[in-house]
All heavy atoms as atom14 arrays in JSON, in Angstrom:
{
  "sequence": "VNNGVYLSLMDIARVDLIYRAGLMGKLAARRWYPVVVAETIQFRKSLQ",
  "atom14_mask": [
    [1, 1, 1, 1, 1, 1, 1, 0, 0, 0, 0, 0, 0, 0],
    [1, 1, 1, 1, 1, 1, 1, 1, 0, 0, 0, 0, 0, 0],
    [1, 1, 1, 1, 1, 1, 1, 1, 0, 0, 0, 0, 0, 0],
    [1, 1, 1, 1, 0, 0, 0, 0, 0, 0, 0, 0, 0, 0],
    [1, 1, 1, 1, 1, 1, 1, 0, 0, 0, 0, 0, 0, 0],
    [1, 1, 1, 1, 1, 1, 1, 1, 1, 1, 1, 1, 0, 0],
    [1, 1, 1, 1, 1, 1, 1, 1, 0, 0, 0, 0, 0, 0],
    [1, 1, 1, 1, 1, 1, 0, 0, 0, 0, 0, 0, 0, 0],
    [1, 1, 1, 1, 1, 1, 1, 1, 0, 0, 0, 0, 0, 0],
    [1, 1, 1, 1, 1, 1, 1, 1, 0, 0, 0, 0, 0, 0],
    [1, 1, 1, 1, 1, 1, 1, 1, 0, 0, 0, 0, 0, 0],
    [1, 1, 1, 1, 1, 1, 1, 1, 0, 0, 0, 0, 0, 0],
    [1, 1, 1, 1, 1, 0, 0, 0, 0, 0, 0, 0, 0, 0],
    [1, 1, 1, 1, 1, 1, 1, 1, 1, 1, 1, 0, 0, 0],
    [1, 1, 1, 1, 1, 1, 1, 0, 0, 0, 0, 0, 0, 0],
    [1, 1, 1, 1, 1, 1, 1, 1, 0, 0, 0, 0, 0, 0],
    [1, 1, 1, 1, 1, 1, 1, 1, 0, 0, 0, 0, 0, 0],
    [1, 1, 1, 1, 1, 1, 1, 1, 0, 0, 0, 0, 0, 0],
    [1, 1, 1, 1, 1, 1, 1, 1, 1, 1, 1, 1, 0, 0],
    [1, 1, 1, 1, 1, 1, 1, 1, 1, 1, 1, 0, 0, 0],
    [1, 1, 1, 1, 1, 0, 0, 0, 0, 0, 0, 0, 0, 0],
    [1, 1, 1, 1, 0, 0, 0, 0, 0, 0, 0, 0, 0, 0],
    [1, 1, 1, 1, 1, 1, 1, 1, 0, 0, 0, 0, 0, 0],
    [1, 1, 1, 1, 1, 1, 1, 1, 0, 0, 0, 0, 0, 0],
    [1, 1, 1, 1, 0, 0, 0, 0, 0, 0, 0, 0, 0, 0],
    [1, 1, 1, 1, 1, 1, 1, 1, 1, 0, 0, 0, 0, 0],
    [1, 1, 1, 1, 1, 1, 1, 1, 0, 0, 0, 0, 0, 0],
    [1, 1, 1, 1, 1, 0, 0, 0, 0, 0, 0, 0, 0, 0],
    [1, 1, 1, 1, 1, 0, 0, 0, 0, 0, 0, 0, 0, 0],
    [1, 1, 1, 1, 1, 1, 1, 1, 1, 1, 1, 0, 0, 0],
    [1, 1, 1, 1, 1, 1, 1, 1, 1, 1, 1, 0, 0, 0],
    [1, 1, 1, 1, 1, 1, 1, 1, 1, 1, 1, 1, 1, 1],
    [1, 1, 1, 1, 1, 1, 1, 1, 1, 1, 1, 1, 0, 0],
    [1, 1, 1, 1, 1, 1, 1, 0, 0, 0, 0, 0, 0, 0],
    [1, 1, 1, 1, 1, 1, 1, 0, 0, 0, 0, 0, 0, 0],
    [1, 1, 1, 1, 1, 1, 1, 0, 0, 0, 0, 0, 0, 0],
    [1, 1, 1, 1, 1, 1, 1, 0, 0, 0, 0, 0, 0, 0],
    [1, 1, 1, 1, 1, 0, 0, 0, 0, 0, 0, 0, 0, 0],
    [1, 1, 1, 1, 1, 1, 1, 1, 1, 0, 0, 0, 0, 0],
    [1, 1, 1, 1, 1, 1, 1, 0, 0, 0, 0, 0, 0, 0],
    [1, 1, 1, 1, 1, 1, 1, 1, 0, 0, 0, 0, 0, 0],
    [1, 1, 1, 1, 1, 1, 1, 1, 1, 0, 0, 0, 0, 0],
    [1, 1, 1, 1, 1, 1, 1, 1, 1, 1, 1, 0, 0, 0],
    [1, 1, 1, 1, 1, 1, 1, 1, 1, 1, 1, 0, 0, 0],
    [1, 1, 1, 1, 1, 1, 1, 1, 1, 0, 0, 0, 0, 0],
    [1, 1, 1, 1, 1, 1, 0, 0, 0, 0, 0, 0, 0, 0],
    [1, 1, 1, 1, 1, 1, 1, 1, 0, 0, 0, 0, 0, 0],
    [1, 1, 1, 1, 1, 1, 1, 1, 1, 0, 0, 0, 0, 0]
  ],
  "atom14_positions": [
    [[139.56, 52.57, 225.42], [140.31, 53.8, 225.13], [141.09, 54.23, 226.37], [140.55, 54.33, 227.47], [139.36, 54.92, 224.64], [140.1, 56.24, 224.49], [138.71, 54.52, 223.32], [0.0, 0.0, 0.0], [0.0, 0.0, 0.0], [0.0, 0.0, 0.0], [0.0, 0.0, 0.0], [0.0, 0.0, 0.0], [0.0, 0.0, 0.0], [0.0, 0.0, 0.0]],
    [[142.36, 54.49, 226.15], [143.25, 54.96, 227.2], [142.78, 56.31, 227.7], [142.38, 57.17, 226.9], [144.66, 55.04, 226.62], [145.65, 55.6, 227.6], [145.68, 56.8, 227.84], [146.45, 54.73, 228.18], [0.0, 0.0, 0.0], [0.0, 0.0, 0.0], [0.0, 0.0, 0.0], [0.0, 0.0, 0.0], [0.0, 0.0, 0.0], [0.0, 0.0, 0.0]],
    [[142.83, 56.54, 229.01], [142.32, 57.8, 229.55], [143.04, 59.02, 229.01], [142.44, 60.08, 228.85], [142.34, 57.78, 231.09], [143.72, 57.58, 231.66], [144.6, 57.02, 231.02], [143.91, 58.02, 232.88], [0.0, 0.0, 0.0], [0.0, 0.0, 0.0], [0.0, 0.0, 0.0], [0.0, 0.0, 0.0], [0.0, 0.0, 0.0], [0.0, 0.0, 0.0]],
    [[144.32, 58.92, 228.68], [145.05, 60.04, 228.1], [144.58, 60.37, 226.7], [144.63, 61.53, 226.27], [0.0, 0.0, 0.0], [0.0, 0.0, 0.0], [0.0, 0.0, 0.0], [0.0, 0.0, 0.0], [0.0, 0.0, 0.0], [0.0, 0.0, 0.0], [0.0, 0.0, 0.0], [0.0, 0.0, 0.0], [0.0, 0.0, 0.0], [0.0, 0.0, 0.0]],
    [[144.11, 59.38, 225.97], [143.6, 59.6, 224.61], [142.36, 60.48, 224.64], [142.16, 61.34, 223.78], [143.35, 58.27, 223.88], [142.63, 58.46, 222.56], [144.67, 57.52, 223.67], [0.0, 0.0, 0.0], [0.0, 0.0, 0.0], [0.0, 0.0, 0.0], [0.0, 0.0, 0.0], [0.0, 0.0, 0.0], [0.0, 0.0, 0.0], [0.0, 0.0, 0.0]],
    [[141.52, 60.31, 225.66], [140.33, 61.17, 225.79], [140.74, 62.64, 225.78], [140.15, 63.46, 225.08], [139.58, 60.88, 227.09], [138.72, 59.64, 227.09], [139.24, 58.39, 227.38], [137.36, 59.73, 226.83], [138.44, 57.27, 227.41], [136.54, 58.61, 226.85], [137.09, 57.38, 227.14], [136.28, 56.27, 227.16], [0.0, 0.0, 0.0], [0.0, 0.0, 0.0]],
    [[141.77, 62.98, 226.55], [142.2, 64.38, 226.64], [142.75, 64.88, 225.31], [142.49, 66.02, 224.92], [143.24, 64.54, 227.75], [142.79, 64.1, 229.15], [143.92, 64.31, 230.16], [141.53, 64.79, 229.6], [0.0, 0.0, 0.0], [0.0, 0.0, 0.0], [0.0, 0.0, 0.0], [0.0, 0.0, 0.0], [0.0, 0.0, 0.0], [0.0, 0.0, 0.0]],
    [[143.48, 64.03, 224.62], [144.02, 64.42, 223.31], [142.91, 64.62, 222.28], [142.96, 65.54, 221.46], [145.02, 63.38, 222.81], [146.15, 63.34, 223.67], [0.0, 0.0, 0.0], [0.0, 0.0, 0.0], [0.0, 0.0, 0.0], [0.0, 0.0, 0.0], [0.0, 0.0, 0.0], [0.0, 0.0, 0.0], [0.0, 0.0, 0.0], [0.0, 0.0, 0.0]],
    [[141.91, 63.76, 222.3], [140.78, 63.91, 221.38], [140.0, 65.19, 221.7], [139.49, 65.85, 220.79], [139.88, 62.69, 221.44], [140.48, 61.4, 220.89], [139.55, 60.22, 221.16], [140.81, 61.52, 219.42], [0.0, 0.0, 0.0], [0.0, 0.0, 0.0], [0.0, 0.0, 0.0], [0.0, 0.0, 0.0], [0.0, 0.0, 0.0], [0.0, 0.0, 0.0]],
    [[139.93, 65.55, 222.97], [139.27, 66.8, 223.34], [140.0, 68.0, 222.73], [139.35, 68.96, 222.31], [139.21, 66.94, 224.87], [138.21, 65.99, 225.51], [138.38, 65.79, 227.31], [138.73, 67.43, 227.89], [0.0, 0.0, 0.0], [0.0, 0.0, 0.0], [0.0, 0.0, 0.0], [0.0, 0.0, 0.0], [0.0, 0.0, 0.0], [0.0, 0.0, 0.0]],
    [[141.34, 67.95, 222.67], [142.1, 69.02, 222.03], [141.66, 69.19, 220.58], [141.43, 70.3, 220.1], [143.6, 68.7, 222.03], [144.27, 68.83, 223.38], [143.7, 69.47, 224.28], [145.38, 68.27, 223.54], [0.0, 0.0, 0.0], [0.0, 0.0, 0.0], [0.0, 0.0, 0.0], [0.0, 0.0, 0.0], [0.0, 0.0, 0.0], [0.0, 0.0, 0.0]],
    [[141.53, 68.07, 219.87], [141.13, 68.13, 218.46], [139.72, 68.69, 218.32], [139.45, 69.51, 217.43], [141.25, 66.73, 217.81], [142.72, 66.3, 217.78], [140.64, 66.73, 216.41], [142.94, 64.87, 217.37], [0.0, 0.0, 0.0], [0.0, 0.0, 0.0], [0.0, 0.0, 0.0], [0.0, 0.0, 0.0], [0.0, 0.0, 0.0], [0.0, 0.0, 0.0]],
    [[138.82, 68.3, 219.2], [137.44, 68.82, 219.14], [137.41, 70.33, 219.4], [136.61, 71.05, 218.79], [136.56, 68.07, 220.14], [0.0, 0.0, 0.0], [0.0, 0.0, 0.0], [0.0, 0.0, 0.0], [0.0, 0.0, 0.0], [0.0, 0.0, 0.0], [0.0, 0.0, 0.0], [0.0, 0.0, 0.0], [0.0, 0.0, 0.0], [0.0, 0.0, 0.0]],
    [[138.28, 70.83, 220.29], [138.33, 72.28, 220.52], [138.87, 73.01, 219.29], [138.39, 74.09, 218.94], [139.14, 72.6, 221.77], [138.42, 72.21, 223.05], [139.12, 72.76, 224.29], [140.5, 72.34, 224.42], [140.89, 71.19, 224.99], [140.0, 70.36, 225.5], [142.18, 70.9, 225.08], [0.0, 0.0, 0.0], [0.0, 0.0, 0.0], [0.0, 0.0, 0.0]],
    [[139.84, 72.42, 218.62], [140.35, 73.0, 217.37], [139.23, 73.03, 216.34], [139.07, 74.01, 215.59], [141.59, 72.24, 216.86], [141.94, 72.64, 215.44], [142.77, 72.46, 217.8], [0.0, 0.0, 0.0], [0.0, 0.0, 0.0], [0.0, 0.0, 0.0], [0.0, 0.0, 0.0], [0.0, 0.0, 0.0], [0.0, 0.0, 0.0], [0.0, 0.0, 0.0]],
    [[138.43, 71.97, 216.27], [137.3, 71.92, 215.35], [136.33, 73.07, 215.63], [135.87, 73.73, 214.7], [136.59, 70.57, 215.46], [135.57, 70.33, 214.36], [135.79, 70.78, 213.21], [134.54, 69.69, 214.66], [0.0, 0.0, 0.0], [0.0, 0.0, 0.0], [0.0, 0.0, 0.0], [0.0, 0.0, 0.0], [0.0, 0.0, 0.0], [0.0, 0.0, 0.0]],
    [[136.05, 73.33, 216.89], [135.18, 74.46, 217.25], [135.78, 75.77, 216.74], [135.08, 76.58, 216.12], [134.97, 74.53, 218.77], [134.3, 75.79, 219.3], [132.87, 75.93, 218.79], [134.33, 75.82, 220.83], [0.0, 0.0, 0.0], [0.0, 0.0, 0.0], [0.0, 0.0, 0.0], [0.0, 0.0, 0.0], [0.0, 0.0, 0.0], [0.0, 0.0, 0.0]],
    [[137.07, 75.98, 216.96], [137.72, 77.23, 216.52], [137.63, 77.38, 215.01], [137.3, 78.45, 214.49], [139.17, 77.27, 217.03], [139.19, 77.45, 218.56], [139.96, 78.39, 216.35], [140.56, 77.25, 219.19], [0.0, 0.0, 0.0], [0.0, 0.0, 0.0], [0.0, 0.0, 0.0], [0.0, 0.0, 0.0], [0.0, 0.0, 0.0], [0.0, 0.0, 0.0]],
    [[137.93, 76.3, 214.27], [137.84, 76.36, 212.81], [136.42, 76.62, 212.34], [136.17, 77.53, 211.55], [138.3, 75.03, 212.19], [139.76, 74.97, 211.82], [140.59, 74.02, 212.39], [140.3, 75.83, 210.87], [141.93, 73.94, 212.04], [141.64, 75.75, 210.51], [142.44, 74.82, 211.1], [143.76, 74.74, 210.76], [0.0, 0.0, 0.0], [0.0, 0.0, 0.0]],
    [[135.47, 75.82, 212.81], [134.1, 75.89, 212.29], [133.36, 77.15, 212.73], [132.38, 77.55, 212.11], [133.34, 74.62, 212.65], [133.9, 73.44, 211.83], [133.38, 72.11, 212.25], [131.94, 72.01, 212.23], [131.26, 71.05, 212.85], [131.91, 70.13, 213.55], [129.96, 71.01, 212.79], [0.0, 0.0, 0.0], [0.0, 0.0, 0.0], [0.0, 0.0, 0.0]],
    [[133.85, 77.8, 213.78], [133.28, 79.07, 214.21], [133.9, 80.24, 213.45], [133.52, 81.39, 213.66], [133.47, 79.26, 215.71], [0.0, 0.0, 0.0], [0.0, 0.0, 0.0], [0.0, 0.0, 0.0], [0.0, 0.0, 0.0], [0.0, 0.0, 0.0], [0.0, 0.0, 0.0], [0.0, 0.0, 0.0], [0.0, 0.0, 0.0], [0.0, 0.0, 0.0]],
    [[134.85, 79.94, 212.57], [135.48, 80.98, 211.76], [136.49, 81.83, 212.53], [136.78, 82.97, 212.13], [0.0, 0.0, 0.0], [0.0, 0.0, 0.0], [0.0, 0.0, 0.0], [0.0, 0.0, 0.0], [0.0, 0.0, 0.0], [0.0, 0.0, 0.0], [0.0, 0.0, 0.0], [0.0, 0.0, 0.0], [0.0, 0.0, 0.0], [0.0, 0.0, 0.0]],
    [[137.04, 81.28, 213.59], [137.95, 82.05, 214.44], [139.43, 81.82, 214.17], [140.27, 82.61, 214.6], [137.66, 81.77, 215.91], [136.3, 82.21, 216.42], [136.08, 81.71, 217.84], [136.19, 83.72, 216.36], [0.0, 0.0, 0.0], [0.0, 0.0, 0.0], [0.0, 0.0, 0.0], [0.0, 0.0, 0.0], [0.0, 0.0, 0.0], [0.0, 0.0, 0.0]],
    [[139.78, 80.74, 213.48], [141.19, 80.4, 213.33], [141.99, 81.52, 212.66], [143.06, 81.9, 213.15], [141.35, 79.09, 212.54], [142.78, 78.56, 212.55], [143.44, 78.2, 214.18], [142.72, 76.62, 214.51], [0.0, 0.0, 0.0], [0.0, 0.0, 0.0], [0.0, 0.0, 0.0], [0.0, 0.0, 0.0], [0.0, 0.0, 0.0], [0.0, 0.0, 0.0]],
    [[141.5, 82.07, 211.58], [142.21, 83.15, 210.9], [142.32, 84.4, 211.76], [143.36, 85.07, 211.78], [0.0, 0.0, 0.0], [0.0, 0.0, 0.0], [0.0, 0.0, 0.0], [0.0, 0.0, 0.0], [0.0, 0.0, 0.0], [0.0, 0.0, 0.0], [0.0, 0.0, 0.0], [0.0, 0.0, 0.0], [0.0, 0.0, 0.0], [0.0, 0.0, 0.0]],
    [[141.25, 84.74, 212.48], [141.26, 85.92, 213.34], [142.28, 85.75, 214.48], [142.98, 86.69, 214.84], [139.87, 86.16, 213.93], [138.83, 86.54, 212.91], [137.46, 86.67, 213.56], [136.38, 86.99, 212.55], [135.06, 87.1, 213.18], [0.0, 0.0, 0.0], [0.0, 0.0, 0.0], [0.0, 0.0, 0.0], [0.0, 0.0, 0.0], [0.0, 0.0, 0.0]],
    [[142.32, 84.55, 215.04], [143.28, 84.29, 216.12], [144.71, 84.34, 215.6], [145.59, 84.95, 216.23], [143.0, 82.94, 216.76], [141.68, 82.8, 217.52], [141.45, 81.34, 217.92], [141.64, 83.71, 218.73], [0.0, 0.0, 0.0], [0.0, 0.0, 0.0], [0.0, 0.0, 0.0], [0.0, 0.0, 0.0], [0.0, 0.0, 0.0], [0.0, 0.0, 0.0]],
    [[144.94, 83.72, 214.44], [146.28, 83.69, 213.87], [146.76, 85.1, 213.53], [147.93, 85.43, 213.76], [146.31, 82.8, 212.63], [0.0, 0.0, 0.0], [0.0, 0.0, 0.0], [0.0, 0.0, 0.0], [0.0, 0.0, 0.0], [0.0, 0.0, 0.0], [0.0, 0.0, 0.0], [0.0, 0.0, 0.0], [0.0, 0.0, 0.0], [0.0, 0.0, 0.0]],
    [[145.87, 85.93, 213.01], [146.24, 87.3, 212.64], [146.7, 88.1, 213.86], [147.55, 88.99, 213.75], [145.07, 88.0, 211.96], [0.0, 0.0, 0.0], [0.0, 0.0, 0.0], [0.0, 0.0, 0.0], [0.0, 0.0, 0.0], [0.0, 0.0, 0.0], [0.0, 0.0, 0.0], [0.0, 0.0, 0.0], [0.0, 0.0, 0.0], [0.0, 0.0, 0.0]],
    [[146.15, 87.79, 215.01], [146.51, 88.5, 216.24], [147.59, 87.77, 217.04], [148.0, 88.23, 218.09], [145.26, 88.68, 217.11], [144.33, 89.72, 216.53], [142.95, 89.62, 217.15], [142.06, 90.61, 216.58], [141.48, 90.55, 215.4], [141.7, 89.51, 214.61], [140.68, 91.5, 214.97], [0.0, 0.0, 0.0], [0.0, 0.0, 0.0], [0.0, 0.0, 0.0]],
    [[147.96, 86.57, 216.54], [148.97, 85.74, 217.19], [148.49, 85.24, 218.56], [149.28, 85.08, 219.47], [150.31, 86.47, 217.28], [150.86, 86.86, 215.92], [152.1, 87.7, 215.98], [153.05, 87.17, 216.95], [154.26, 86.71, 216.68], [154.68, 86.71, 215.45], [155.05, 86.26, 217.62], [0.0, 0.0, 0.0], [0.0, 0.0, 0.0], [0.0, 0.0, 0.0]],
    [[147.19, 85.0, 218.66], [146.6, 84.46, 219.88], [146.49, 82.95, 219.74], [146.16, 82.43, 218.66], [145.2, 85.02, 220.1], [145.1, 86.49, 220.33], [146.13, 87.4, 220.43], [143.9, 87.25, 220.48], [145.63, 88.66, 220.64], [144.26, 88.61, 220.67], [142.56, 86.93, 220.47], [143.33, 89.61, 220.85], [141.62, 87.92, 220.64], [142.01, 89.25, 220.85]],
    [[146.72, 82.26, 220.82], [146.6, 80.8, 220.8], [146.09, 80.29, 222.16], [146.38, 80.89, 223.19], [147.93, 80.13, 220.43], [149.03, 80.36, 221.43], [149.33, 79.39, 222.39], [149.79, 81.53, 221.41], [150.34, 79.59, 223.32], [150.8, 81.74, 222.34], [151.07, 80.77, 223.28], [152.07, 80.97, 224.2], [0.0, 0.0, 0.0], [0.0, 0.0, 0.0]],
    [[145.34, 79.19, 222.15], [144.77, 78.66, 223.4], [145.72, 77.7, 224.1], [146.49, 76.99, 223.46], [143.52, 77.92, 222.92], [143.89, 77.46, 221.54], [144.81, 78.52, 220.97], [0.0, 0.0, 0.0], [0.0, 0.0, 0.0], [0.0, 0.0, 0.0], [0.0, 0.0, 0.0], [0.0, 0.0, 0.0], [0.0, 0.0, 0.0], [0.0, 0.0, 0.0]],
    [[145.62, 77.7, 225.43], [146.31, 76.7, 226.25], [145.33, 76.23, 227.32], [144.52, 77.01, 227.81], [147.6, 77.25, 226.91], [148.66, 77.59, 225.89], [147.3, 78.44, 227.79], [0.0, 0.0, 0.0], [0.0, 0.0, 0.0], [0.0, 0.0, 0.0], [0.0, 0.0, 0.0], [0.0, 0.0, 0.0], [0.0, 0.0, 0.0], [0.0, 0.0, 0.0]],
    [[145.42, 74.96, 227.64], [144.58, 74.41, 228.71], [145.32, 74.64, 230.03], [146.5, 74.32, 230.15], [144.33, 72.9, 228.49], [143.69, 72.27, 229.72], [143.46, 72.7, 227.27], [0.0, 0.0, 0.0], [0.0, 0.0, 0.0], [0.0, 0.0, 0.0], [0.0, 0.0, 0.0], [0.0, 0.0, 0.0], [0.0, 0.0, 0.0], [0.0, 0.0, 0.0]],
    [[144.61, 75.19, 231.01], [145.23, 75.41, 232.32], [144.69, 74.44, 233.37], [145.32, 74.24, 234.4], [145.11, 76.87, 232.79], [145.93, 77.77, 231.88], [143.68, 77.34, 232.83], [0.0, 0.0, 0.0], [0.0, 0.0, 0.0], [0.0, 0.0, 0.0], [0.0, 0.0, 0.0], [0.0, 0.0, 0.0], [0.0, 0.0, 0.0], [0.0, 0.0, 0.0]],
    [[143.54, 73.84, 233.12], [143.0, 72.83, 234.04], [141.91, 72.07, 233.3], [141.22, 72.62, 232.44], [142.42, 73.48, 235.29], [0.0, 0.0, 0.0], [0.0, 0.0, 0.0], [0.0, 0.0, 0.0], [0.0, 0.0, 0.0], [0.0, 0.0, 0.0], [0.0, 0.0, 0.0], [0.0, 0.0, 0.0], [0.0, 0.0, 0.0], [0.0, 0.0, 0.0]],
    [[141.78, 70.8, 233.64], [140.68, 70.01, 233.1], [140.4, 68.85, 234.02], [141.28, 68.37, 234.73], [140.95, 69.53, 231.67], [142.19, 68.72, 231.47], [142.55, 68.55, 230.0], [141.69, 68.7, 229.11], [143.71, 68.24, 229.74], [0.0, 0.0, 0.0], [0.0, 0.0, 0.0], [0.0, 0.0, 0.0], [0.0, 0.0, 0.0], [0.0, 0.0, 0.0]],
    [[139.15, 68.45, 234.02], [138.74, 67.29, 234.79], [137.75, 66.51, 233.94], [137.03, 67.09, 233.13], [138.1, 67.71, 236.14], [137.83, 66.54, 236.91], [136.81, 68.48, 235.96], [0.0, 0.0, 0.0], [0.0, 0.0, 0.0], [0.0, 0.0, 0.0], [0.0, 0.0, 0.0], [0.0, 0.0, 0.0], [0.0, 0.0, 0.0], [0.0, 0.0, 0.0]],
    [[137.78, 65.2, 234.09], [136.89, 64.36, 233.29], [136.29, 63.27, 234.16], [136.96, 62.75, 235.07], [137.64, 63.77, 232.06], [136.67, 63.03, 231.13], [138.8, 62.91, 232.49], [137.26, 62.71, 229.76], [0.0, 0.0, 0.0], [0.0, 0.0, 0.0], [0.0, 0.0, 0.0], [0.0, 0.0, 0.0], [0.0, 0.0, 0.0], [0.0, 0.0, 0.0]],
    [[135.04, 62.96, 233.91], [134.34, 61.87, 234.59], [133.96, 60.82, 233.55], [133.33, 61.15, 232.54], [133.08, 62.39, 235.27], [133.36, 63.38, 236.37], [132.09, 64.02, 236.87], [131.28, 64.51, 236.1], [131.92, 64.01, 238.17], [0.0, 0.0, 0.0], [0.0, 0.0, 0.0], [0.0, 0.0, 0.0], [0.0, 0.0, 0.0], [0.0, 0.0, 0.0]],
    [[134.35, 59.59, 233.8], [134.05, 58.49, 232.89], [132.85, 57.72, 233.42], [132.82, 57.36, 234.59], [135.25, 57.55, 232.78], [136.51, 58.23, 232.32], [137.48, 58.6, 233.22], [136.7, 58.5, 230.98], [138.64, 59.22, 232.79], [137.85, 59.12, 230.54], [138.83, 59.49, 231.45], [0.0, 0.0, 0.0], [0.0, 0.0, 0.0], [0.0, 0.0, 0.0]],
    [[131.89, 57.47, 232.55], [130.71, 56.68, 232.95], [130.76, 55.28, 232.35], [130.37, 54.32, 232.98], [129.45, 57.4, 232.5], [129.22, 58.69, 233.27], [127.94, 59.39, 232.81], [127.68, 60.56, 233.62], [128.15, 61.77, 233.36], [128.9, 61.98, 232.31], [127.87, 62.78, 234.15], [0.0, 0.0, 0.0], [0.0, 0.0, 0.0], [0.0, 0.0, 0.0]],
    [[131.22, 55.19, 231.12], [131.35, 53.9, 230.43], [132.6, 53.96, 229.57], [133.18, 55.01, 229.36], [130.11, 53.64, 229.55], [128.84, 53.44, 230.37], [127.72, 52.94, 229.52], [126.5, 52.69, 230.42], [125.38, 52.19, 229.66], [0.0, 0.0, 0.0], [0.0, 0.0, 0.0], [0.0, 0.0, 0.0], [0.0, 0.0, 0.0], [0.0, 0.0, 0.0]],
    [[132.98, 52.82, 229.02], [134.18, 52.73, 228.18], [133.84, 52.83, 226.71], [132.76, 52.4, 226.28], [134.9, 51.4, 228.42], [135.37, 51.32, 229.73], [0.0, 0.0, 0.0], [0.0, 0.0, 0.0], [0.0, 0.0, 0.0], [0.0, 0.0, 0.0], [0.0, 0.0, 0.0], [0.0, 0.0, 0.0], [0.0, 0.0, 0.0], [0.0, 0.0, 0.0]],
    [[134.77, 53.33, 225.95], [134.7, 53.27, 224.49], [135.52, 52.06, 224.05], [136.62, 51.83, 224.56], [135.27, 54.53, 223.85], [134.41, 55.78, 223.93], [135.19, 57.01, 223.48], [133.15, 55.61, 223.09], [0.0, 0.0, 0.0], [0.0, 0.0, 0.0], [0.0, 0.0, 0.0], [0.0, 0.0, 0.0], [0.0, 0.0, 0.0], [0.0, 0.0, 0.0]],
    [[134.98, 51.29, 223.1], [135.62, 50.07, 222.63], [136.06, 50.25, 221.18], [135.63, 51.16, 220.48], [134.64, 48.9, 222.72], [134.01, 48.7, 224.1], [135.02, 48.32, 225.16], [135.97, 47.6, 224.9], [134.81, 48.81, 226.37], [0.0, 0.0, 0.0], [0.0, 0.0, 0.0], [0.0, 0.0, 0.0], [0.0, 0.0, 0.0], [0.0, 0.0, 0.0]]
  ]
}
């Protein structure tokens, strides 16, 4: 897996948290949206 793909998949997982926590509608109603301002990742093994 390309290292950039890890970061993109993390975006999807954060969206999943927002949806499954029941926050998406509340955020949309207030016109609030998330942005990543910093991230760091440590790789231990590869995904195949």
